[in-house]
Each structure stands twice: as C-alpha cells, then as structure tokens.
PDB file of N, CA and C in Angstrom:
ATOM      1  N   MET A   1     -29.152 -15.980  24.880  1.00  0.00           N
ATOM      2  CA  MET A   1     -28.531 -15.770  23.576  1.00  0.00           C
ATOM      3  C   MET A   1     -28.717 -17.040  22.758  1.00  0.00           C
ATOM      4  N   SER A   2     -29.443 -16.935  21.693  1.00  0.00           N
ATOM      5  CA  SER A   2     -29.687 -18.103  20.867  1.00  0.00           C
ATOM      6  C   SER A   2     -28.593 -18.249  19.824  1.00  0.00           C
ATOM      7  N   GLU A   3     -28.463 -19.460  19.318  1.00  0.00           N
ATOM      8  CA  GLU A   3     -27.424 -19.749  18.321  1.00  0.00           C
ATOM      9  C   GLU A   3     -27.694 -19.011  17.011  1.00  0.00           C
ATOM     10  N   ALA A   4     -28.966 -18.804  16.670  1.00  0.00           N
ATOM     11  CA  ALA A   4     -29.316 -18.115  15.424  1.00  0.00           C
ATOM     12  C   ALA A   4     -28.853 -16.663  15.457  1.00  0.00           C
ATOM     13  N   GLN A   5     -28.905 -16.023  16.631  1.00  0.00           N
ATOM     14  CA  GLN A   5     -28.439 -14.642  16.757  1.00  0.00           C
ATOM     15  C   GLN A   5     -26.952 -14.531  16.489  1.00  0.00           C
ATOM     16  N   VAL A   6     -26.166 -15.424  17.029  1.00  0.00           N
ATOM     17  CA  VAL A   6     -24.710 -15.341  16.937  1.00  0.00           C
ATOM     18  C   VAL A   6     -24.227 -15.687  15.539  1.00  0.00           C
ATOM     19  N   GLN A   7     -24.766 -16.717  14.908  1.00  0.00           N
ATOM     20  CA  GLN A   7     -24.258 -17.209  13.634  1.00  0.00           C
ATOM     21  C   GLN A   7     -24.776 -16.441  12.425  1.00  0.00           C
ATOM     22  N   THR A   8     -25.790 -15.574  12.575  1.00  0.00           N
ATOM     23  CA  THR A   8     -26.354 -14.870  11.444  1.00  0.00           C
ATOM     24  C   THR A   8     -26.057 -13.381  11.542  1.00  0.00           C
ATOM     25  N   PRO A   9     -24.921 -12.935  10.962  1.00  0.00           N
ATOM     26  CA  PRO A   9     -24.624 -11.511  11.022  1.00  0.00           C
ATOM     27  C   PRO A   9     -25.496 -10.721  10.036  1.00  0.00           C
ATOM     28  N   VAL A  10     -25.597  -9.435  10.273  1.00  0.00           N
ATOM     29  CA  VAL A  10     -26.363  -8.548   9.406  1.00  0.00           C
ATOM     30  C   VAL A  10     -25.662  -8.458   8.051  1.00  0.00           C
ATOM     31  N   LYS A  11     -26.406  -8.272   6.969  1.00  0.00           N
ATOM     32  CA  LYS A  11     -25.840  -8.325   5.624  1.00  0.00           C
ATOM     33  C   LYS A  11     -24.781  -7.256   5.368  1.00  0.00           C
ATOM     34  N   ASN A  12     -24.963  -6.048   5.863  1.00  0.00           N
ATOM     35  CA  ASN A  12     -24.039  -4.963   5.556  1.00  0.00           C
ATOM     36  C   ASN A  12     -22.939  -4.795   6.608  1.00  0.00           C
ATOM     37  N   THR A  13     -22.415  -5.893   7.120  1.00  0.00           N
ATOM     38  CA  THR A  13     -21.338  -5.810   8.093  1.00  0.00           C
ATOM     39  C   THR A  13     -19.997  -5.978   7.405  1.00  0.00           C
ATOM     40  N   ARG A  14     -18.949  -5.546   8.086  1.00  0.00           N
ATOM     41  CA  ARG A  14     -17.612  -5.733   7.547  1.00  0.00           C
ATOM     42  C   ARG A  14     -17.235  -7.205   7.643  1.00  0.00           C
ATOM     43  N   THR A  15     -16.607  -7.722   6.598  1.00  0.00           N
ATOM     44  CA  THR A  15     -16.104  -9.089   6.624  1.00  0.00           C
ATOM     45  C   THR A  15     -14.630  -9.072   6.273  1.00  0.00           C
ATOM     46  N   LEU A  16     -13.880  -9.948   6.915  1.00  0.00           N
ATOM     47  CA  LEU A  16     -12.448 -10.073   6.685  1.00  0.00           C
ATOM     48  C   LEU A  16     -12.118 -11.544   6.487  1.00  0.00           C
ATOM     49  N   ILE A  17     -11.008 -11.796   5.804  1.00  0.00           N
ATOM     50  CA  ILE A  17     -10.541 -13.162   5.590  1.00  0.00           C
ATOM     51  C   ILE A  17      -9.177 -13.294   6.243  1.00  0.00           C
ATOM     52  N   GLY A  18      -9.010 -14.343   7.040  1.00  0.00           N
ATOM     53  CA  GLY A  18      -7.743 -14.536   7.727  1.00  0.00           C
ATOM     54  C   GLY A  18      -7.524 -15.988   8.111  1.00  0.00           C
ATOM     55  N   ARG A  19      -6.368 -16.235   8.719  1.00  0.00           N
ATOM     56  CA  ARG A  19      -5.979 -17.584   9.105  1.00  0.00           C
ATOM     57  C   ARG A  19      -6.041 -17.723  10.622  1.00  0.00           C
ATOM     58  N   VAL A  20      -6.571 -18.859  11.074  1.00  0.00           N
ATOM     59  CA  VAL A  20      -6.665 -19.128  12.508  1.00  0.00           C
ATOM     60  C   VAL A  20      -5.268 -19.421  13.043  1.00  0.00           C
ATOM     61  N   VAL A  21      -4.827 -18.635  14.037  1.00  0.00           N
ATOM     62  CA  VAL A  21      -3.504 -18.832  14.620  1.00  0.00           C
ATOM     63  C   VAL A  21      -3.580 -19.403  16.035  1.00  0.00           C
ATOM     64  N   SER A  22      -4.780 -19.417  16.630  1.00  0.00           N
ATOM     65  CA  SER A  22      -4.938 -20.024  17.946  1.00  0.00           C
ATOM     66  C   SER A  22      -6.379 -20.474  18.122  1.00  0.00           C
ATOM     67  N   ASP A  23      -6.542 -21.687  18.671  1.00  0.00           N
ATOM     68  CA  ASP A  23      -7.882 -22.204  18.965  1.00  0.00           C
ATOM     69  C   ASP A  23      -7.934 -22.783  20.372  1.00  0.00           C
ATOM     70  N   LYS A  24      -7.121 -22.253  21.269  1.00  0.00           N
ATOM     71  CA  LYS A  24      -6.997 -22.819  22.607  1.00  0.00           C
ATOM     72  C   LYS A  24      -8.104 -22.376  23.553  1.00  0.00           C
ATOM     73  N   ARG A  25      -8.744 -21.250  23.286  1.00  0.00           N
ATOM     74  CA  ARG A  25      -9.793 -20.761  24.175  1.00  0.00           C
ATOM     75  C   ARG A  25     -11.138 -21.383  23.814  1.00  0.00           C
ATOM     76  N   ALA A  26     -11.998 -21.510  24.814  1.00  0.00           N
ATOM     77  CA  ALA A  26     -13.317 -22.101  24.592  1.00  0.00           C
ATOM     78  C   ALA A  26     -14.184 -21.138  23.787  1.00  0.00           C
ATOM     79  N   LYS A  27     -14.763 -21.625  22.688  1.00  0.00           N
ATOM     80  CA  LYS A  27     -15.670 -20.880  21.819  1.00  0.00           C
ATOM     81  C   LYS A  27     -15.031 -19.640  21.193  1.00  0.00           C
ATOM     82  N   THR A  28     -13.701 -19.592  21.126  1.00  0.00           N
ATOM     83  CA  THR A  28     -13.014 -18.440  20.562  1.00  0.00           C
ATOM     84  C   THR A  28     -11.830 -18.898  19.731  1.00  0.00           C
ATOM     85  N   VAL A  29     -11.644 -18.266  18.582  1.00  0.00           N
ATOM     86  CA  VAL A  29     -10.441 -18.478  17.776  1.00  0.00           C
ATOM     87  C   VAL A  29      -9.790 -17.122  17.545  1.00  0.00           C
ATOM     88  N   THR A  30      -8.475 -17.127  17.413  1.00  0.00           N
ATOM     89  CA  THR A  30      -7.741 -15.918  17.087  1.00  0.00           C
ATOM     90  C   THR A  30      -7.409 -15.983  15.605  1.00  0.00           C
ATOM     91  N   VAL A  31      -7.808 -14.950  14.874  1.00  0.00           N
ATOM     92  CA  VAL A  31      -7.645 -14.923  13.424  1.00  0.00           C
ATOM     93  C   VAL A  31      -6.666 -13.814  13.053  1.00  0.00           C
ATOM     94  N   LEU A  32      -5.637 -14.170  12.279  1.00  0.00           N
ATOM     95  CA  LEU A  32      -4.649 -13.210  11.803  1.00  0.00           C
ATOM     96  C   LEU A  32      -5.060 -12.757  10.409  1.00  0.00           C
ATOM     97  N   VAL A  33      -5.313 -11.455  10.264  1.00  0.00           N
ATOM     98  CA  VAL A  33      -5.711 -10.875   8.974  1.00  0.00           C
ATOM     99  C   VAL A  33      -4.538 -10.061   8.453  1.00  0.00           C
ATOM    100  N   GLU A  34      -4.061 -10.417   7.263  1.00  0.00           N
ATOM    101  CA  GLU A  34      -2.935  -9.705   6.663  1.00  0.00           C
ATOM    102  C   GLU A  34      -3.431  -8.896   5.478  1.00  0.00           C
ATOM    103  N   ARG A  35      -2.870  -7.701   5.308  1.00  0.00           N
ATOM    104  CA  ARG A  35      -3.226  -6.862   4.169  1.00  0.00           C
ATOM    105  C   ARG A  35      -1.978  -6.153   3.683  1.00  0.00           C
ATOM    106  N   ARG A  36      -2.009  -5.713   2.443  1.00  0.00           N
ATOM    107  CA  ARG A  36      -0.870  -5.022   1.840  1.00  0.00           C
ATOM    108  C   ARG A  36      -1.277  -3.589   1.541  1.00  0.00           C
ATOM    109  N   VAL A  37      -0.485  -2.641   2.041  1.00  0.00           N
ATOM    110  CA  VAL A  37      -0.773  -1.223   1.843  1.00  0.00           C
ATOM    111  C   VAL A  37       0.470  -0.512   1.334  1.00  0.00           C
ATOM    112  N   THR A  38       0.267   0.635   0.726  1.00  0.00           N
ATOM    113  CA  THR A  38       1.376   1.454   0.253  1.00  0.00           C
ATOM    114  C   THR A  38       1.830   2.376   1.373  1.00  0.00           C
ATOM    115  N   HIS A  39       3.122   2.429   1.612  1.00  0.00           N
ATOM    116  CA  HIS A  39       3.678   3.320   2.623  1.00  0.00           C
ATOM    117  C   HIS A  39       3.410   4.761   2.218  1.00  0.00           C
ATOM    118  N   GLU A  40       2.981   5.577   3.177  1.00  0.00           N
ATOM    119  CA  GLU A  40       2.571   6.947   2.871  1.00  0.00           C
ATOM    120  C   GLU A  40       3.696   7.792   2.281  1.00  0.00           C
ATOM    121  N   LEU A  41       4.883   7.697   2.832  1.00  0.00           N
ATOM    122  CA  LEU A  41       5.986   8.555   2.398  1.00  0.00           C
ATOM    123  C   LEU A  41       6.793   7.945   1.262  1.00  0.00           C
ATOM    124  N   TYR A  42       7.139   6.675   1.387  1.00  0.00           N
ATOM    125  CA  TYR A  42       8.072   6.066   0.444  1.00  0.00           C
ATOM    126  C   TYR A  42       7.415   5.338  -0.726  1.00  0.00           C
ATOM    127  N   GLY A  43       6.132   5.055  -0.634  1.00  0.00           N
ATOM    128  CA  GLY A  43       5.432   4.422  -1.736  1.00  0.00           C
ATOM    129  C   GLY A  43       5.654   2.925  -1.871  1.00  0.00           C
ATOM    130  N   LYS A  44       6.451   2.349  -0.987  1.00  0.00           N
ATOM    131  CA  LYS A  44       6.709   0.916  -1.041  1.00  0.00           C
ATOM    132  C   LYS A  44       5.509   0.150  -0.489  1.00  0.00           C
ATOM    133  N   ILE A  45       5.216  -1.006  -1.080  1.00  0.00           N
ATOM    134  CA  ILE A  45       4.127  -1.840  -0.594  1.00  0.00           C
ATOM    135  C   ILE A  45       4.634  -2.650   0.596  1.00  0.00           C
ATOM    136  N   VAL A  46       3.964  -2.494   1.726  1.00  0.00           N
ATOM    137  CA  VAL A  46       4.355  -3.184   2.949  1.00  0.00           C
ATOM    138  C   VAL A  46       3.179  -4.016   3.458  1.00  0.00           C
ATOM    139  N   GLY A  47       3.495  -5.074   4.201  1.00  0.00           N
ATOM    140  CA  GLY A  47       2.462  -5.935   4.768  1.00  0.00           C
ATOM    141  C   GLY A  47       2.095  -5.498   6.165  1.00  0.00           C
ATOM    142  N   ARG A  48       0.826  -5.416   6.423  1.00  0.00           N
ATOM    143  CA  ARG A  48       0.321  -5.104   7.752  1.00  0.00           C
ATOM    144  C   ARG A  48      -0.543  -6.273   8.203  1.00  0.00           C
ATOM    145  N   SER A  49      -0.541  -6.547   9.498  1.00  0.00           N
ATOM    146  CA  SER A  49      -1.360  -7.638  10.003  1.00  0.00           C
ATOM    147  C   SER A  49      -1.990  -7.239  11.326  1.00  0.00           C
ATOM    148  N   ARG A  50      -3.100  -7.892  11.637  1.00  0.00           N
ATOM    149  CA  ARG A  50      -3.785  -7.646  12.891  1.00  0.00           C
ATOM    150  C   ARG A  50      -4.507  -8.920  13.306  1.00  0.00           C
ATOM    151  N   LYS A  51      -4.569  -9.145  14.607  1.00  0.00           N
ATOM    152  CA  LYS A  51      -5.259 -10.315  15.132  1.00  0.00           C
ATOM    153  C   LYS A  51      -6.621  -9.908  15.675  1.00  0.00           C
ATOM    154  N   TYR A  52      -7.611 -10.740  15.389  1.00  0.00           N
ATOM    155  CA  TYR A  52      -8.968 -10.528  15.882  1.00  0.00           C
ATOM    156  C   TYR A  52      -9.409 -11.777  16.633  1.00  0.00           C
ATOM    157  N   HIS A  53     -10.125 -11.576  17.746  1.00  0.00           N
ATOM    158  CA  HIS A  53     -10.740 -12.686  18.461  1.00  0.00           C
ATOM    159  C   HIS A  53     -12.145 -12.858  17.882  1.00  0.00           C
ATOM    160  N   ALA A  54     -12.442 -14.061  17.412  1.00  0.00           N
ATOM    161  CA  ALA A  54     -13.733 -14.324  16.782  1.00  0.00           C
ATOM    162  C   ALA A  54     -14.463 -15.450  17.504  1.00  0.00           C
ATOM    163  N   HIS A  55     -15.779 -15.347  17.537  1.00  0.00           N
ATOM    164  CA  HIS A  55     -16.610 -16.318  18.226  1.00  0.00           C
ATOM    165  C   HIS A  55     -16.790 -17.573  17.370  1.00  0.00           C
ATOM    166  N   ASP A  56     -16.548 -18.725  17.990  1.00  0.00           N
ATOM    167  CA  ASP A  56     -16.694 -20.033  17.338  1.00  0.00           C
ATOM    168  C   ASP A  56     -17.532 -20.897  18.271  1.00  0.00           C
ATOM    169  N   GLU A  57     -18.838 -20.867  18.095  1.00  0.00           N
ATOM    170  CA  GLU A  57     -19.765 -21.501  19.036  1.00  0.00           C
ATOM    171  C   GLU A  57     -19.518 -22.994  19.207  1.00  0.00           C
ATOM    172  N   LYS A  58     -19.313 -23.720  18.116  1.00  0.00           N
ATOM    173  CA  LYS A  58     -19.198 -25.173  18.188  1.00  0.00           C
ATOM    174  C   LYS A  58     -17.765 -25.674  18.293  1.00  0.00           C
ATOM    175  N   GLY A  59     -16.779 -24.807  18.174  1.00  0.00           N
ATOM    176  CA  GLY A  59     -15.388 -25.230  18.242  1.00  0.00           C
ATOM    177  C   GLY A  59     -14.950 -26.025  17.026  1.00  0.00           C
ATOM    178  N   GLU A  60     -15.480 -25.680  15.853  1.00  0.00           N
ATOM    179  CA  GLU A  60     -15.204 -26.461  14.643  1.00  0.00           C
ATOM    180  C   GLU A  60     -14.031 -25.933  13.819  1.00  0.00           C
ATOM    181  N   TYR A  61     -13.469 -24.782  14.156  1.00  0.00           N
ATOM    182  CA  TYR A  61     -12.348 -24.212  13.398  1.00  0.00           C
ATOM    183  C   TYR A  61     -11.065 -24.417  14.189  1.00  0.00           C
ATOM    184  N   HIS A  62     -10.010 -24.829  13.471  1.00  0.00           N
ATOM    185  CA  HIS A  62      -8.773 -25.186  14.147  1.00  0.00           C
ATOM    186  C   HIS A  62      -7.582 -24.439  13.555  1.00  0.00           C
ATOM    187  N   LEU A  63      -6.435 -24.623  14.161  1.00  0.00           N
ATOM    188  CA  LEU A  63      -5.201 -23.948  13.790  1.00  0.00           C
ATOM    189  C   LEU A  63      -4.888 -24.152  12.308  1.00  0.00           C
ATOM    190  N   GLY A  64      -4.648 -23.051  11.595  1.00  0.00           N
ATOM    191  CA  GLY A  64      -4.284 -23.117  10.188  1.00  0.00           C
ATOM    192  C   GLY A  64      -5.424 -22.987   9.209  1.00  0.00           C
ATOM    193  N   ASP A  65      -6.666 -23.017   9.673  1.00  0.00           N
ATOM    194  CA  ASP A  65      -7.818 -22.897   8.777  1.00  0.00           C
ATOM    195  C   ASP A  65      -7.928 -21.467   8.246  1.00  0.00           C
ATOM    196  N   LEU A  66      -8.339 -21.329   6.993  1.00  0.00           N
ATOM    197  CA  LEU A  66      -8.621 -20.028   6.396  1.00  0.00           C
ATOM    198  C   LEU A  66     -10.111 -19.783   6.558  1.00  0.00           C
ATOM    199  N   VAL A  67     -10.480 -18.707   7.262  1.00  0.00           N
ATOM    200  CA  VAL A  67     -11.878 -18.453   7.591  1.00  0.00           C
ATOM    201  C   VAL A  67     -12.279 -17.027   7.231  1.00  0.00           C
ATOM    202  N   GLU A  68     -13.584 -16.831   7.139  1.00  0.00           N
ATOM    203  CA  GLU A  68     -14.144 -15.497   6.962  1.00  0.00           C
ATOM    204  C   GLU A  68     -14.803 -15.096   8.264  1.00  0.00           C
ATOM    205  N   ILE A  69     -14.528 -13.874   8.732  1.00  0.00           N
ATOM    206  CA  ILE A  69     -15.129 -13.376   9.966  1.00  0.00           C
ATOM    207  C   ILE A  69     -15.954 -12.139   9.641  1.00  0.00           C
ATOM    208  N   ALA A  70     -17.020 -11.942  10.401  1.00  0.00           N
ATOM    209  CA  ALA A  70     -17.897 -10.792  10.213  1.00  0.00           C
ATOM    210  C   ALA A  70     -18.041 -10.046  11.528  1.00  0.00           C
ATOM    211  N   GLU A  71     -18.140  -8.737  11.427  1.00  0.00           N
ATOM    212  CA  GLU A  71     -18.287  -7.911  12.611  1.00  0.00           C
ATOM    213  C   GLU A  71     -19.704  -8.029  13.147  1.00  0.00           C
ATOM    214  N   GLY A  72     -19.817  -8.057  14.467  1.00  0.00           N
ATOM    215  CA  GLY A  72     -21.130  -8.170  15.092  1.00  0.00           C
ATOM    216  C   GLY A  72     -21.156  -7.391  16.388  1.00  0.00           C
ATOM    217  N   ARG A  73     -22.120  -7.684  17.215  1.00  0.00           N
ATOM    218  CA  ARG A  73     -22.210  -7.003  18.501  1.00  0.00           C
ATOM    219  C   ARG A  73     -21.109  -7.512  19.431  1.00  0.00           C
ATOM    220  N   PRO A  74     -20.718  -6.732  20.421  1.00  0.00           N
ATOM    221  CA  PRO A  74     -19.699  -7.206  21.364  1.00  0.00           C
ATOM    222  C   PRO A  74     -20.183  -8.425  22.142  1.00  0.00           C
ATOM    223  N   ILE A  75     -19.349  -9.470  22.134  1.00  0.00           N
ATOM    224  CA  ILE A  75     -19.679 -10.701  22.842  1.00  0.00           C
ATOM    225  C   ILE A  75     -18.940 -10.738  24.173  1.00  0.00           C
ATOM    226  N   SER A  76     -17.735 -10.179  24.201  1.00  0.00           N
ATOM    227  CA  SER A  76     -16.967 -10.056  25.433  1.00  0.00           C
ATOM    228  C   SER A  76     -16.101  -8.812  25.317  1.00  0.00           C
ATOM    229  N   LYS A  77     -15.171  -8.635  26.241  1.00  0.00           N
ATOM    230  CA  LYS A  77     -14.321  -7.443  26.249  1.00  0.00           C
ATOM    231  C   LYS A  77     -13.508  -7.316  24.964  1.00  0.00           C
ATOM    232  N   THR A  78     -12.981  -8.422  24.455  1.00  0.00           N
ATOM    233  CA  THR A  78     -12.110  -8.379  23.276  1.00  0.00           C
ATOM    234  C   THR A  78     -12.731  -9.002  22.030  1.00  0.00           C
ATOM    235  N   LYS A  79     -13.950  -9.507  22.145  1.00  0.00           N
ATOM    236  CA  LYS A  79     -14.514 -10.300  21.044  1.00  0.00           C
ATOM    237  C   LYS A  79     -15.781  -9.661  20.500  1.00  0.00           C
ATOM    238  N   SER A  80     -15.716  -9.163  19.249  1.00  0.00           N
ATOM    239  CA  SER A  80     -16.909  -8.630  18.594  1.00  0.00           C
ATOM    240  C   SER A  80     -16.971  -9.080  17.136  1.00  0.00           C
ATOM    241  N   TRP A  81     -16.305 -10.185  16.825  1.00  0.00           N
ATOM    242  CA  TRP A  81     -16.327 -10.766  15.486  1.00  0.00           C
ATOM    243  C   TRP A  81     -16.844 -12.194  15.591  1.00  0.00           C
ATOM    244  N   VAL A  82     -17.471 -12.685  14.514  1.00  0.00           N
ATOM    245  CA  VAL A  82     -18.031 -14.030  14.478  1.00  0.00           C
ATOM    246  C   VAL A  82     -17.506 -14.725  13.229  1.00  0.00           C
ATOM    247  N   VAL A  83     -17.059 -15.972  13.379  1.00  0.00           N
ATOM    248  CA  VAL A  83     -16.619 -16.743  12.214  1.00  0.00           C
ATOM    249  C   VAL A  83     -17.865 -17.140  11.434  1.00  0.00           C
ATOM    250  N   THR A  84     -17.907 -16.761  10.143  1.00  0.00           N
ATOM    251  CA  THR A  84     -19.097 -17.045   9.341  1.00  0.00           C
ATOM    252  C   THR A  84     -18.941 -18.295   8.493  1.00  0.00           C
ATOM    253  N   LYS A  85     -17.747 -18.517   7.917  1.00  0.00           N
ATOM    254  CA  LYS A  85     -17.591 -19.733   7.117  1.00  0.00           C
ATOM    255  C   LYS A  85     -16.134 -20.130   6.986  1.00  0.00           C
ATOM    256  N   LEU A  86     -15.951 -21.408   6.706  1.00  0.00           N
ATOM    257  CA  LEU A  86     -14.623 -21.981   6.471  1.00  0.00           C
ATOM    258  C   LEU A  86     -14.336 -21.904   4.982  1.00  0.00           C
ATOM    259  N   LEU A  87     -13.213 -21.285   4.623  1.00  0.00           N
ATOM    260  CA  LEU A  87     -12.842 -21.156   3.213  1.00  0.00           C
ATOM    261  C   LEU A  87     -11.888 -22.254   2.779  1.00  0.00           C
ATOM    262  N   GLN A  88     -10.954 -22.614   3.676  1.00  0.00           N
ATOM    263  CA  GLN A  88      -9.982 -23.665   3.347  1.00  0.00           C
ATOM    264  C   GLN A  88      -9.546 -24.342   4.636  1.00  0.00           C
ATOM    265  N   LYS A  89      -9.593 -25.663   4.616  1.00  0.00           N
ATOM    266  CA  LYS A  89      -9.168 -26.445   5.776  1.00  0.00           C
ATOM    267  C   LYS A  89      -7.641 -26.439   5.857  1.00  0.00           C
ATOM    268  N   ALA A  90      -7.095 -26.525   7.038  1.00  0.00           N
ATOM    269  CA  ALA A  90      -5.642 -26.532   7.230  1.00  0.00           C
ATOM    270  C   ALA A  90      -5.035 -27.790   6.609  1.00  0.00           C
ATOM    271  N   GLN A  91      -3.879 -27.635   6.005  1.00  0.00           N
ATOM    272  CA  GLN A  91      -3.190 -28.769   5.415  1.00  0.00           C
ATOM    273  C   GLN A  91      -2.413 -29.508   6.490  1.00  0.00           C
ATOM    274  N   ILE A  92      -2.503 -30.815   6.478  1.00  0.00           N
ATOM    275  CA  ILE A  92      -1.770 -31.633   7.438  1.00  0.00           C
ATOM    276  C   ILE A  92      -0.366 -31.860   6.905  1.00  0.00           C
ATOM    277  N   VAL A  93       0.628 -31.505   7.717  1.00  0.00           N
ATOM    278  CA  VAL A  93       2.027 -31.640   7.282  1.00  0.00           C
ATOM    279  C   VAL A  93       2.612 -32.903   7.836  1.00  0.00           C
TER     280      VAL A  93
END
C-alpha cells in the first residue's frame, strides 16, 4: 500500500468536516461530525452527531483540530475514511 493511494481520494467521494476527539491510536484519529436536522414529527431543529475513524498516516492531526475527511476503501474493520486536510488547528488553552 503506497502513501499516494491512501492520501489521494477519488474526486466524487463523500467528504465531511469534523473535530478530532481522539488521537491515541496509531495512524488513526476519531473525528466527531455534527449536523443539524429537522425532527420528523415536531419540526424542531435538533443536533445529531456521529464519530468516524479516519486514517492519519503521519500522525499529524491532534485533539481539537478541525479536519476534512473523505470516504475511501476499507482500511480496517472500522476505518474507511481518510483525513484529507487540516482546516483549523486546535487552540491552546
């Protein structure tokens, strides 16, 4: 598996934007993607969230970073997303 294969997703893939909530695993980050949807029955806008495991080959993304992930081929049992770019670095508190 070459690095060019992993880091270059196909153009028409799904992309999501989320925040890194865990970077403890080797070459993997957990990204929390939040979205706002209208409740089917009541019409109220509610927040929904989901966590995705994304491939981070070099380990350059850390806790709190805002990243873009793209769907790709399955890399492991739970990982079929790849981090494509860093949108915002985490703020140091």
